[in-house]
Amino acid sequence: MYVTGSMRAAIYEGAGGPEVIAIGEVPKPEVRPEHIRVRVHAAGLNRADIIQRRGHYAAPSGWPANIPGLEYAGEVEAVRPGVTQWRVGDRVMGLVGGGAQAELVVVHQDEALPIPAGVSYAEAAAIPEAFLTAYDALVTRGRLQPRERVLIHAVGSGLGTAASQIAKQLGATVIGTSRSSDKLARALVYGLDVGIDTSRTPFPEAIGEPVDVVFDVLGGPALADNLAVLAPRGRLILLGFLAGSQTTADLGPLLRKRLEIVGTVMRTRGLEERIPLVREFGNRMLPLFEPRFGQPAALRPVLERTYPMTQLADAHRVLEGNATFGKVVVVW
């Protein structure tokens, strides 16, 4: 009873532009032991989806090769014996290696998170990839401490707005970069203390005092400048290559200042890494998405636009235009 029937899903019919995206019928996924099947109401759109569509980022083994989507929000539709945490009808959200932009997705029971009270499905779909990635990068990898200074590149992105909020909750001073003064102004309400418009001034000239952690999605071309602005024993956390993966840089500061460069990616991690992160994030951060004592929630998903899944190609075009602030989400 767990595999009969079909469902709709976004499908990449090849590698290329948004025109390769189609909505088609595929078999329902099987519910394996200790897993739950979730009826997806909303799914986040990420840069990884675009890179995969272009043919440069294959899905990890075990996940659909041609159905995109790394994060979902929906309700539990089916459970297998051995599932103790969830019941049919529970509202859940989480990360997957692919396949979230389908009507149904199957996940291990320990990977799912409850959707906070008062958070819509569309808002919930903007949480998992951005906030779990940012938490892992800043807390686990970056060891960010109160009163430290953190530099967040592309602070107006979905990942950047999540990182700035988490860093502020940790008691850090948040410096962010963007090529848009409007995005920097909007980011002030999400934890940003100092904004640097890199369309006008290179960030090393405007950074002021050195920083303890750099949260970097730019990649190779920014490496030398990132190393230059780090304080002794600083940590560079590398999450992406928006500006390219190649570089020629003087590595002297690595030795002189005893710096660390840590690369991290969420998509290729197995259950043994995902589950402890989900558990820690759920205990420490998830309560902050709910208002307390009459005060607004300390953490908020930043949702720029929502599109019907049938307009996924338009959502891709908008995200590729780099004009969005926060997340783009698609809904069924």
C-alpha atoms as a PDB file:
ATOM      1  CA  MET A   1       0.000   0.000   0.000  1.00  0.00           C
ATOM      2  CA  TYR A   2       3.045   2.225   0.171  1.00  0.00           C
ATOM      3  CA  VAL A   3       4.089   2.364  -3.492  1.00  0.00           C
ATOM      4  CA  THR A   4       0.939   2.253  -5.634  1.00  0.00           C
ATOM      5  CA  GLY A   5      -0.128   5.205  -7.728  1.00  0.00           C
ATOM      6  CA  SER A   6       1.597   8.234  -9.149  1.00  0.00           C
ATOM      7  CA  MET A   7       2.249  11.847  -8.226  1.00  0.00           C
ATOM      8  CA  ARG A   8       3.141  15.094  -9.943  1.00  0.00           C
ATOM      9  CA  ALA A   9       6.701  16.337  -9.799  1.00  0.00           C
ATOM     10  CA  ALA A  10       8.966  18.957 -11.302  1.00  0.00           C
ATOM     11  CA  ILE A  11      11.267  17.197 -13.755  1.00  0.00           C
ATOM     12  CA  TYR A  12      14.470  18.260 -15.483  1.00  0.00           C
ATOM     13  CA  GLU A  13      14.138  16.847 -18.998  1.00  0.00           C
ATOM     14  CA  GLY A  14      17.770  17.609 -19.757  1.00  0.00           C
ATOM     15  CA  ALA A  15      20.530  20.058 -18.938  1.00  0.00           C
ATOM     16  CA  GLY A  16      20.073  23.686 -19.919  1.00  0.00           C
ATOM     17  CA  GLY A  17      17.974  26.749 -19.217  1.00  0.00           C
ATOM     18  CA  PRO A  18      14.596  27.001 -17.481  1.00  0.00           C
ATOM     19  CA  GLU A  19      12.959  25.602 -20.609  1.00  0.00           C
ATOM     20  CA  VAL A  20      14.081  22.070 -19.596  1.00  0.00           C
ATOM     21  CA  ILE A  21      11.720  22.163 -16.577  1.00  0.00           C
ATOM     22  CA  ALA A  22       8.456  20.241 -16.890  1.00  0.00           C
ATOM     23  CA  ILE A  23       5.703  19.037 -14.572  1.00  0.00           C
ATOM     24  CA  GLY A  24       5.045  15.333 -15.067  1.00  0.00           C
ATOM     25  CA  GLU A  25       3.692  12.149 -13.497  1.00  0.00           C
ATOM     26  CA  VAL A  26       6.104   9.828 -11.671  1.00  0.00           C
ATOM     27  CA  PRO A  27       5.580   6.850  -9.335  1.00  0.00           C
ATOM     28  CA  LYS A  28       4.975   7.563  -5.668  1.00  0.00           C
ATOM     29  CA  PRO A  29       8.084   6.933  -3.539  1.00  0.00           C
ATOM     30  CA  GLU A  30       8.175   3.834  -1.361  1.00  0.00           C
ATOM     31  CA  VAL A  31       7.962   4.324   2.398  1.00  0.00           C
ATOM     32  CA  ARG A  32      10.907   2.417   3.841  1.00  0.00           C
ATOM     33  CA  PRO A  33      11.216   1.223   7.464  1.00  0.00           C
ATOM     34  CA  GLU A  34      11.676   4.098   9.963  1.00  0.00           C
ATOM     35  CA  HIS A  35      10.690   6.563   7.241  1.00  0.00           C
ATOM     36  CA  ILE A  36       7.695   8.818   6.703  1.00  0.00           C
ATOM     37  CA  ARG A  37       6.084  10.015   3.511  1.00  0.00           C
ATOM     38  CA  VAL A  38       5.271  13.722   3.426  1.00  0.00           C
ATOM     39  CA  ARG A  39       2.703  15.412   1.226  1.00  0.00           C
ATOM     40  CA  VAL A  40       4.647  18.480   0.120  1.00  0.00           C
ATOM     41  CA  HIS A  41       2.763  21.768   0.178  1.00  0.00           C
ATOM     42  CA  ALA A  42       5.782  24.031  -0.434  1.00  0.00           C
ATOM     43  CA  ALA A  43       9.431  23.641  -1.406  1.00  0.00           C
ATOM     44  CA  GLY A  44      12.316  26.081  -1.329  1.00  0.00           C
ATOM     45  CA  LEU A  45      14.271  26.980  -4.449  1.00  0.00           C
ATOM     46  CA  ASN A  46      18.053  27.075  -4.087  1.00  0.00           C
ATOM     47  CA  ARG A  47      21.124  27.867  -6.169  1.00  0.00           C
ATOM     48  CA  ALA A  48      21.910  24.159  -6.134  1.00  0.00           C
ATOM     49  CA  ASP A  49      18.686  23.538  -8.085  1.00  0.00           C
ATOM     50  CA  ILE A  50      19.840  25.955 -10.757  1.00  0.00           C
ATOM     51  CA  ILE A  51      23.322  24.456 -10.956  1.00  0.00           C
ATOM     52  CA  GLN A  52      21.820  20.965 -11.210  1.00  0.00           C
ATOM     53  CA  ARG A  53      19.482  22.134 -13.987  1.00  0.00           C
ATOM     54  CA  ARG A  54      22.504  23.356 -15.916  1.00  0.00           C
ATOM     55  CA  GLY A  55      24.032  19.886 -15.648  1.00  0.00           C
ATOM     56  CA  HIS A  56      26.800  20.673 -13.151  1.00  0.00           C
ATOM     57  CA  TYR A  57      25.520  19.257  -9.841  1.00  0.00           C
ATOM     58  CA  ALA A  58      24.236  15.692  -9.905  1.00  0.00           C
ATOM     59  CA  ALA A  59      21.967  14.454  -7.125  1.00  0.00           C
ATOM     60  CA  PRO A  60      23.666  12.239  -4.521  1.00  0.00           C
ATOM     61  CA  SER A  61      23.191   8.496  -4.736  1.00  0.00           C
ATOM     62  CA  GLY A  62      19.795   7.377  -3.482  1.00  0.00           C
ATOM     63  CA  TRP A  63      17.945  10.560  -4.442  1.00  0.00           C
ATOM     64  CA  PRO A  64      15.994  11.268  -7.656  1.00  0.00           C
ATOM     65  CA  ALA A  65      18.324  12.185 -10.494  1.00  0.00           C
ATOM     66  CA  ASN A  66      15.909  14.466 -12.330  1.00  0.00           C
ATOM     67  CA  ILE A  67      13.492  15.759  -9.655  1.00  0.00           C
ATOM     68  CA  PRO A  68      14.950  18.873  -7.984  1.00  0.00           C
ATOM     69  CA  GLY A  69      14.351  20.319  -4.554  1.00  0.00           C
ATOM     70  CA  LEU A  70      16.421  20.253  -1.359  1.00  0.00           C
ATOM     71  CA  GLU A  71      13.860  21.389   1.222  1.00  0.00           C
ATOM     72  CA  TYR A  72      10.194  20.782   1.814  1.00  0.00           C
ATOM     73  CA  ALA A  73       7.297  21.665   4.090  1.00  0.00           C
ATOM     74  CA  GLY A  74       4.143  19.597   4.306  1.00  0.00           C
ATOM     75  CA  GLU A  75       2.185  17.069   6.336  1.00  0.00           C
ATOM     76  CA  VAL A  76       2.858  13.436   7.120  1.00  0.00           C
ATOM     77  CA  GLU A  77       0.847  11.294   4.702  1.00  0.00           C
ATOM     78  CA  ALA A  78       2.079   7.777   5.607  1.00  0.00           C
ATOM     79  CA  VAL A  79       4.322   6.106   8.185  1.00  0.00           C
ATOM     80  CA  ARG A  80       5.933   2.687   8.445  1.00  0.00           C
ATOM     81  CA  PRO A  81       6.088   0.486  11.547  1.00  0.00           C
ATOM     82  CA  GLY A  82       8.952   1.623  13.743  1.00  0.00           C
ATOM     83  CA  VAL A  83       8.147   5.317  13.343  1.00  0.00           C
ATOM     84  CA  THR A  84       7.633   6.749  16.823  1.00  0.00           C
ATOM     85  CA  GLN A  85       8.031  10.494  16.369  1.00  0.00           C
ATOM     86  CA  TRP A  86       5.308  11.316  13.852  1.00  0.00           C
ATOM     87  CA  ARG A  87       1.687  10.617  13.080  1.00  0.00           C
ATOM     88  CA  VAL A  88      -0.307  11.087   9.908  1.00  0.00           C
ATOM     89  CA  GLY A  89      -1.306  14.757   9.673  1.00  0.00           C
ATOM     90  CA  ASP A  90       1.701  16.188  11.535  1.00  0.00           C
ATOM     91  CA  ARG A  91       3.195  19.332   9.968  1.00  0.00           C
ATOM     92  CA  VAL A  92       6.872  18.799   9.164  1.00  0.00           C
ATOM     93  CA  MET A  93       9.746  20.359   7.240  1.00  0.00           C
ATOM     94  CA  GLY A  94      13.276  19.327   6.421  1.00  0.00           C
ATOM     95  CA  LEU A  95      16.213  18.795   4.090  1.00  0.00           C
ATOM     96  CA  VAL A  96      16.632  16.135   1.417  1.00  0.00           C
ATOM     97  CA  GLY A  97      19.265  15.293  -1.178  1.00  0.00           C
ATOM     98  CA  GLY A  98      16.724  15.911  -3.947  1.00  0.00           C
ATOM     99  CA  GLY A  99      13.133  15.307  -4.924  1.00  0.00           C
ATOM    100  CA  ALA A 100      11.457  17.911  -2.707  1.00  0.00           C
ATOM    101  CA  GLN A 101       9.739  19.597  -5.654  1.00  0.00           C
ATOM    102  CA  ALA A 102       7.274  16.723  -5.938  1.00  0.00           C
ATOM    103  CA  GLU A 103       3.891  16.145  -4.369  1.00  0.00           C
ATOM    104  CA  LEU A 104       5.357  13.492  -2.056  1.00  0.00           C
ATOM    105  CA  VAL A 105       8.780  12.920  -0.528  1.00  0.00           C
ATOM    106  CA  VAL A 106      10.074  10.159   1.781  1.00  0.00           C
ATOM    107  CA  VAL A 107      12.466  10.980   4.615  1.00  0.00           C
ATOM    108  CA  HIS A 108      13.858   9.255   7.686  1.00  0.00           C
ATOM    109  CA  GLN A 109      11.812  10.093  10.763  1.00  0.00           C
ATOM    110  CA  ASP A 110      14.845  11.619  12.514  1.00  0.00           C
ATOM    111  CA  GLU A 111      15.532  14.067   9.670  1.00  0.00           C
ATOM    112  CA  ALA A 112      12.191  15.859   9.871  1.00  0.00           C
ATOM    113  CA  LEU A 113      11.503  18.902  12.032  1.00  0.00           C
ATOM    114  CA  PRO A 114       8.127  20.111  13.314  1.00  0.00           C
ATOM    115  CA  ILE A 115       6.882  23.297  11.690  1.00  0.00           C
ATOM    116  CA  PRO A 116       6.687  25.975  14.403  1.00  0.00           C
ATOM    117  CA  ALA A 117       3.239  27.158  15.410  1.00  0.00           C
ATOM    118  CA  GLY A 118       2.039  30.113  13.341  1.00  0.00           C
ATOM    119  CA  VAL A 119       4.472  29.428  10.485  1.00  0.00           C
ATOM    120  CA  SER A 120       2.817  28.761   7.123  1.00  0.00           C
ATOM    121  CA  TYR A 121       3.919  25.988   4.790  1.00  0.00           C
ATOM    122  CA  ALA A 122       5.469  28.533   2.412  1.00  0.00           C
ATOM    123  CA  GLU A 123       7.384  30.173   5.256  1.00  0.00           C
ATOM    124  CA  ALA A 124       8.457  26.785   6.605  1.00  0.00           C
ATOM    125  CA  ALA A 125       9.862  25.795   3.216  1.00  0.00           C
ATOM    126  CA  ALA A 126      12.202  28.797   3.496  1.00  0.00           C
ATOM    127  CA  ILE A 127      13.740  27.516   6.746  1.00  0.00           C
ATOM    128  CA  PRO A 128      15.580  24.169   6.414  1.00  0.00           C
ATOM    129  CA  GLU A 129      18.300  24.744   3.830  1.00  0.00           C
ATOM    130  CA  ALA A 130      19.135  28.304   4.835  1.00  0.00           C
ATOM    131  CA  PHE A 131      18.952  27.992   8.609  1.00  0.00           C
ATOM    132  CA  LEU A 132      20.412  24.509   9.041  1.00  0.00           C
ATOM    133  CA  THR A 133      23.282  25.351   6.692  1.00  0.00           C
ATOM    134  CA  ALA A 134      23.927  28.669   8.430  1.00  0.00           C
ATOM    135  CA  TYR A 135      23.759  27.109  11.897  1.00  0.00           C
ATOM    136  CA  ASP A 136      26.154  24.329  10.945  1.00  0.00           C
ATOM    137  CA  ALA A 137      28.576  26.783   9.325  1.00  0.00           C
ATOM    138  CA  LEU A 138      28.578  29.364  12.117  1.00  0.00           C
ATOM    139  CA  VAL A 139      28.243  27.164  15.198  1.00  0.00           C
ATOM    140  CA  THR A 140      29.649  23.734  14.348  1.00  0.00           C
ATOM    141  CA  ARG A 141      32.302  24.690  11.799  1.00  0.00           C
ATOM    142  CA  GLY A 142      32.963  28.327  12.662  1.00  0.00           C
ATOM    143  CA  ARG A 143      32.678  28.109  16.469  1.00  0.00           C
ATOM    144  CA  LEU A 144      31.338  31.674  16.509  1.00  0.00           C
ATOM    145  CA  GLN A 145      31.358  33.134  20.019  1.00  0.00           C
ATOM    146  CA  PRO A 146      29.620  36.110  21.687  1.00  0.00           C
ATOM    147  CA  ARG A 147      31.322  39.456  20.975  1.00  0.00           C
ATOM    148  CA  GLU A 148      33.181  38.061  17.970  1.00  0.00           C
ATOM    149  CA  ARG A 149      32.904  39.730  14.566  1.00  0.00           C
ATOM    150  CA  VAL A 150      31.546  37.813  11.593  1.00  0.00           C
ATOM    151  CA  LEU A 151      31.595  38.828   7.926  1.00  0.00           C
ATOM    152  CA  ILE A 152      28.668  37.422   5.913  1.00  0.00           C
ATOM    153  CA  HIS A 153      28.949  37.701   2.142  1.00  0.00           C
ATOM    154  CA  ALA A 154      25.737  38.066   0.092  1.00  0.00           C
ATOM    155  CA  VAL A 155      23.917  39.011   3.271  1.00  0.00           C
ATOM    156  CA  GLY A 156      20.673  39.663   1.382  1.00  0.00           C
ATOM    157  CA  SER A 157      20.388  36.089   0.125  1.00  0.00           C
ATOM    158  CA  GLY A 158      18.274  33.415   1.793  1.00  0.00           C
ATOM    159  CA  LEU A 159      21.379  31.928   3.351  1.00  0.00           C
ATOM    160  CA  GLY A 160      22.741  35.355   4.279  1.00  0.00           C
ATOM    161  CA  THR A 161      19.578  36.522   6.033  1.00  0.00           C
ATOM    162  CA  ALA A 162      19.489  33.261   8.007  1.00  0.00           C
ATOM    163  CA  ALA A 163      23.162  33.545   8.959  1.00  0.00           C
ATOM    164  CA  SER A 164      22.835  37.150  10.110  1.00  0.00           C
ATOM    165  CA  GLN A 165      19.902  36.294  12.375  1.00  0.00           C
ATOM    166  CA  ILE A 166      21.677  33.310  13.918  1.00  0.00           C
ATOM    167  CA  ALA A 167      24.900  35.266  14.392  1.00  0.00           C
ATOM    168  CA  LYS A 168      22.985  38.024  16.171  1.00  0.00           C
ATOM    169  CA  GLN A 169      21.360  35.454  18.470  1.00  0.00           C
ATOM    170  CA  LEU A 170      24.846  34.188  19.299  1.00  0.00           C
ATOM    171  CA  GLY A 171      25.842  37.690  20.388  1.00  0.00           C
ATOM    172  CA  ALA A 172      28.192  38.446  17.499  1.00  0.00           C
ATOM    173  CA  THR A 173      28.700  41.685  15.592  1.00  0.00           C
ATOM    174  CA  VAL A 174      27.419  41.143  12.059  1.00  0.00           C
ATOM    175  CA  ILE A 175      29.066  42.730   9.028  1.00  0.00           C
ATOM    176  CA  GLY A 176      27.525  41.938   5.650  1.00  0.00           C
ATOM    177  CA  THR A 177      28.306  42.550   2.009  1.00  0.00           C
ATOM    178  CA  SER A 178      26.044  43.052  -0.986  1.00  0.00           C
ATOM    179  CA  ARG A 179      26.185  44.798  -4.328  1.00  0.00           C
ATOM    180  CA  SER A 180      22.792  46.345  -3.529  1.00  0.00           C
ATOM    181  CA  SER A 181      22.328  49.208  -1.057  1.00  0.00           C
ATOM    182  CA  ASP A 182      18.621  48.347  -0.916  1.00  0.00           C
ATOM    183  CA  LYS A 183      19.382  44.790   0.238  1.00  0.00           C
ATOM    184  CA  LEU A 184      21.762  46.120   2.886  1.00  0.00           C
ATOM    185  CA  ALA A 185      19.070  48.458   4.198  1.00  0.00           C
ATOM    186  CA  ARG A 186      16.531  45.638   4.356  1.00  0.00           C
ATOM    187  CA  ALA A 187      19.041  43.350   6.095  1.00  0.00           C
ATOM    188  CA  LEU A 188      19.315  45.731   9.063  1.00  0.00           C
ATOM    189  CA  VAL A 189      16.135  44.292  10.568  1.00  0.00           C
ATOM    190  CA  TYR A 190      17.580  40.765  10.341  1.00  0.00           C
ATOM    191  CA  GLY A 191      20.632  41.254  12.524  1.00  0.00           C
ATOM    192  CA  LEU A 192      22.986  43.196  10.268  1.00  0.00           C
ATOM    193  CA  ASP A 193      25.087  45.764  12.144  1.00  0.00           C
ATOM    194  CA  VAL A 194      27.339  47.074   9.377  1.00  0.00           C
ATOM    195  CA  GLY A 195      26.610  46.828   5.655  1.00  0.00           C
ATOM    196  CA  ILE A 196      29.237  47.124   2.912  1.00  0.00           C
ATOM    197  CA  ASP A 197      28.127  47.949  -0.619  1.00  0.00           C
ATOM    198  CA  THR A 198      30.792  46.194  -2.668  1.00  0.00           C
ATOM    199  CA  SER A 199      29.587  47.872  -5.883  1.00  0.00           C
ATOM    200  CA  ARG A 200      31.118  51.040  -4.447  1.00  0.00           C
ATOM    201  CA  THR A 201      33.881  49.941  -2.079  1.00  0.00           C
ATOM    202  CA  PRO A 202      35.912  46.709  -1.883  1.00  0.00           C
ATOM    203  CA  PHE A 203      35.090  45.087   1.422  1.00  0.00           C
ATOM    204  CA  PRO A 204      38.704  44.954   2.743  1.00  0.00           C
ATOM    205  CA  GLU A 205      38.780  48.773   2.614  1.00  0.00           C
ATOM    206  CA  ALA A 206      35.529  49.119   4.576  1.00  0.00           C
ATOM    207  CA  ILE A 207      35.792  46.268   7.059  1.00  0.00           C
ATOM    208  CA  GLY A 208      37.453  48.222   9.868  1.00  0.00           C
ATOM    209  CA  GLU A 209      38.732  45.876  12.558  1.00  0.00           C
ATOM    210  CA  PRO A 210      39.563  42.297  11.544  1.00  0.00           C
ATOM    211  CA  VAL A 211      36.836  39.674  11.810  1.00  0.00           C
ATOM    212  CA  ASP A 212      36.891  36.324  13.578  1.00  0.00           C
ATOM    213  CA  VAL A 213      34.741  34.386  11.104  1.00  0.00           C
ATOM    214  CA  VAL A 214      34.071  34.822   7.390  1.00  0.00           C
ATOM    215  CA  PHE A 215      30.904  33.195   6.037  1.00  0.00           C
ATOM    216  CA  ASP A 216      31.728  32.939   2.344  1.00  0.00           C
ATOM    217  CA  VAL A 217      29.663  31.930  -0.677  1.00  0.00           C
ATOM    218  CA  LEU A 218      31.793  33.821  -3.211  1.00  0.00           C
ATOM    219  CA  GLY A 219      34.678  31.375  -3.540  1.00  0.00           C
ATOM    220  CA  GLY A 220      38.027  31.650  -5.240  1.00  0.00           C
ATOM    221  CA  PRO A 221      38.213  35.307  -6.312  1.00  0.00           C
ATOM    222  CA  ALA A 222      37.469  36.447  -2.751  1.00  0.00           C
ATOM    223  CA  LEU A 223      39.959  34.139  -1.021  1.00  0.00           C
ATOM    224  CA  ALA A 224      42.886  36.537  -0.734  1.00  0.00           C
ATOM    225  CA  ASP A 225      40.718  39.355   0.611  1.00  0.00           C
ATOM    226  CA  ASN A 226      38.969  37.002   3.044  1.00  0.00           C
ATOM    227  CA  LEU A 227      42.299  35.879   4.444  1.00  0.00           C
ATOM    228  CA  ALA A 228      43.433  39.490   4.698  1.00  0.00           C
ATOM    229  CA  VAL A 229      40.487  40.618   6.862  1.00  0.00           C
ATOM    230  CA  LEU A 230      40.599  37.677   9.275  1.00  0.00           C
ATOM    231  CA  ALA A 231      41.997  38.202  12.747  1.00  0.00           C
ATOM    232  CA  PRO A 232      44.630  35.820  14.141  1.00  0.00           C
ATOM    233  CA  ARG A 233      43.107  32.335  14.648  1.00  0.00           C
ATOM    234  CA  GLY A 234      40.197  33.369  12.439  1.00  0.00           C
ATOM    235  CA  ARG A 235      38.003  30.877  10.567  1.00  0.00           C
ATOM    236  CA  LEU A 236      36.963  31.061   6.904  1.00  0.00           C
ATOM    237  CA  ILE A 237      33.891  28.926   6.255  1.00  0.00           C
ATOM    238  CA  LEU A 238      33.496  28.271   2.541  1.00  0.00           C
ATOM    239  CA  LEU A 239      29.981  27.344   1.397  1.00  0.00           C
ATOM    240  CA  GLY A 240      29.913  28.119  -2.312  1.00  0.00           C
ATOM    241  CA  PHE A 241      31.522  29.511  -5.440  1.00  0.00           C
ATOM    242  CA  LEU A 242      29.169  32.221  -6.740  1.00  0.00           C
ATOM    243  CA  ALA A 243      32.164  34.164  -8.074  1.00  0.00           C
ATOM    244  CA  GLY A 244      34.074  31.067  -9.256  1.00  0.00           C
ATOM    245  CA  SER A 245      36.143  28.236  -7.809  1.00  0.00           C
ATOM    246  CA  GLN A 246      39.572  29.172  -9.208  1.00  0.00           C
ATOM    247  CA  THR A 247      42.038  31.499  -7.499  1.00  0.00           C
ATOM    248  CA  THR A 248      45.627  32.595  -7.183  1.00  0.00           C
ATOM    249  CA  ALA A 249      46.251  33.804  -3.646  1.00  0.00           C
ATOM    250  CA  ASP A 250      49.080  34.340  -1.211  1.00  0.00           C
ATOM    251  CA  LEU A 251      48.685  31.682   1.469  1.00  0.00           C
ATOM    252  CA  GLY A 252      51.122  33.399   3.815  1.00  0.00           C
ATOM    253  CA  PRO A 253      48.363  34.723   6.116  1.00  0.00           C
ATOM    254  CA  LEU A 254      47.260  31.141   6.792  1.00  0.00           C
ATOM    255  CA  LEU A 255      50.521  30.484   8.596  1.00  0.00           C
ATOM    256  CA  ARG A 256      51.225  33.907  10.055  1.00  0.00           C
ATOM    257  CA  LYS A 257      47.768  34.259  11.592  1.00  0.00           C
ATOM    258  CA  ARG A 258      47.110  30.521  12.234  1.00  0.00           C
ATOM    259  CA  LEU A 259      43.932  30.657  10.177  1.00  0.00           C
ATOM    260  CA  GLU A 260      41.500  27.860   9.327  1.00  0.00           C
ATOM    261  CA  ILE A 261      39.696  27.273   6.037  1.00  0.00           C
ATOM    262  CA  VAL A 262      36.732  24.930   6.356  1.00  0.00           C
ATOM    263  CA  GLY A 263      34.716  23.766   3.368  1.00  0.00           C
ATOM    264  CA  THR A 264      31.185  22.554   3.939  1.00  0.00           C
ATOM    265  CA  VAL A 265      28.201  21.320   1.940  1.00  0.00           C
ATOM    266  CA  MET A 266      24.943  19.896   3.255  1.00  0.00           C
ATOM    267  CA  ARG A 267      23.555  17.957   0.300  1.00  0.00           C
ATOM    268  CA  THR A 268      26.022  15.066   0.204  1.00  0.00           C
ATOM    269  CA  ARG A 269      25.926  14.262   3.925  1.00  0.00           C
ATOM    270  CA  GLY A 270      24.580  10.926   5.104  1.00  0.00           C
ATOM    271  CA  LEU A 271      22.140  10.236   7.907  1.00  0.00           C
ATOM    272  CA  GLU A 272      24.960   9.879  10.412  1.00  0.00           C
ATOM    273  CA  GLU A 273      25.754  13.576   9.944  1.00  0.00           C
ATOM    274  CA  ARG A 274      22.288  14.940   9.218  1.00  0.00           C
ATOM    275  CA  ILE A 275      20.470  13.504  12.205  1.00  0.00           C
ATOM    276  CA  PRO A 276      22.690  14.995  14.968  1.00  0.00           C
ATOM    277  CA  LEU A 277      22.557  18.399  13.248  1.00  0.00           C
ATOM    278  CA  VAL A 278      18.758  18.284  12.922  1.00  0.00           C
ATOM    279  CA  ARG A 279      18.451  17.266  16.581  1.00  0.00           C
ATOM    280  CA  GLU A 280      20.767  20.040  17.816  1.00  0.00           C
ATOM    281  CA  PHE A 281      19.144  22.686  15.644  1.00  0.00           C
ATOM    282  CA  GLY A 282      15.701  21.551  16.752  1.00  0.00           C
ATOM    283  CA  ASN A 283      16.608  21.833  20.423  1.00  0.00           C
ATOM    284  CA  ARG A 284      18.537  25.103  20.229  1.00  0.00           C
ATOM    285  CA  MET A 285      17.109  27.153  17.363  1.00  0.00           C
ATOM    286  CA  LEU A 286      13.638  25.915  16.482  1.00  0.00           C
ATOM    287  CA  PRO A 287      11.942  27.436  19.570  1.00  0.00           C
ATOM    288  CA  LEU A 288      13.194  30.854  18.431  1.00  0.00           C
ATOM    289  CA  PHE A 289      10.786  30.772  15.465  1.00  0.00           C
ATOM    290  CA  GLU A 290       7.824  31.168  17.832  1.00  0.00           C
ATOM    291  CA  PRO A 291       6.826  34.405  19.616  1.00  0.00           C
ATOM    292  CA  ARG A 292       7.475  34.406  23.354  1.00  0.00           C
ATOM    293  CA  PHE A 293       6.162  36.558  26.172  1.00  0.00           C
ATOM    294  CA  GLY A 294       4.384  38.853  23.749  1.00  0.00           C
ATOM    295  CA  GLN A 295       7.543  39.496  21.731  1.00  0.00           C
ATOM    296  CA  PRO A 296       8.020  38.706  18.017  1.00  0.00           C
ATOM    297  CA  ALA A 297       9.890  35.549  17.087  1.00  0.00           C
ATOM    298  CA  ALA A 298      13.669  35.964  17.321  1.00  0.00           C
ATOM    299  CA  LEU A 299      14.216  34.063  14.043  1.00  0.00           C
ATOM    300  CA  ARG A 300      12.113  34.593  10.936  1.00  0.00           C
ATOM    301  CA  PRO A 301      12.197  32.995   7.494  1.00  0.00           C
ATOM    302  CA  VAL A 302      12.670  35.704   4.883  1.00  0.00           C
ATOM    303  CA  LEU A 303      10.327  34.941   1.993  1.00  0.00           C
ATOM    304  CA  GLU A 304      10.795  37.105  -1.094  1.00  0.00           C
ATOM    305  CA  ARG A 305       8.359  35.493  -3.511  1.00  0.00           C
ATOM    306  CA  THR A 306       6.098  32.453  -3.829  1.00  0.00           C
ATOM    307  CA  TYR A 307       5.286  30.788  -7.156  1.00  0.00           C
ATOM    308  CA  PRO A 308       2.959  27.940  -8.114  1.00  0.00           C
ATOM    309  CA  MET A 309       4.966  24.819  -8.932  1.00  0.00           C
ATOM    310  CA  THR A 310       3.631  25.098 -12.488  1.00  0.00           C
ATOM    311  CA  GLN A 311       5.597  28.369 -12.761  1.00  0.00           C
ATOM    312  CA  LEU A 312       8.872  26.877 -11.511  1.00  0.00           C
ATOM    313  CA  ALA A 313      10.696  28.032 -14.644  1.00  0.00           C
ATOM    314  CA  ASP A 314       9.747  31.645 -13.849  1.00  0.00           C
ATOM    315  CA  ALA A 315      11.006  31.162 -10.291  1.00  0.00           C
ATOM    316  CA  HIS A 316      14.350  29.974 -11.683  1.00  0.00           C
ATOM    317  CA  ARG A 317      14.626  33.051 -13.882  1.00  0.00           C
ATOM    318  CA  VAL A 318      13.935  35.379 -10.970  1.00  0.00           C
ATOM    319  CA  LEU A 319      16.504  33.698  -8.708  1.00  0.00           C
ATOM    320  CA  GLU A 320      19.080  33.760 -11.491  1.00  0.00           C
ATOM    321  CA  GLY A 321      18.493  37.507 -11.829  1.00  0.00           C
ATOM    322  CA  ASN A 322      20.044  38.048  -8.374  1.00  0.00           C
ATOM    323  CA  ALA A 323      17.494  40.704  -7.452  1.00  0.00           C
ATOM    324  CA  THR A 324      15.724  38.698  -4.749  1.00  0.00           C
ATOM    325  CA  PHE A 325      16.054  39.347  -1.025  1.00  0.00           C
ATOM    326  CA  GLY A 326      15.683  36.183   1.020  1.00  0.00           C
ATOM    327  CA  LYS A 327      14.122  32.990  -0.303  1.00  0.00           C
ATOM    328  CA  VAL A 328      12.045  31.993  -3.306  1.00  0.00           C
ATOM    329  CA  VAL A 329       9.496  29.234  -2.621  1.00  0.00           C
ATOM    330  CA  VAL A 330       7.256  27.178  -4.912  1.00  0.00           C
ATOM    331  CA  VAL A 331       3.920  25.725  -3.782  1.00  0.00           C
ATOM    332  CA  TRP A 332       1.506  23.070  -5.005  1.00  0.00           C
END
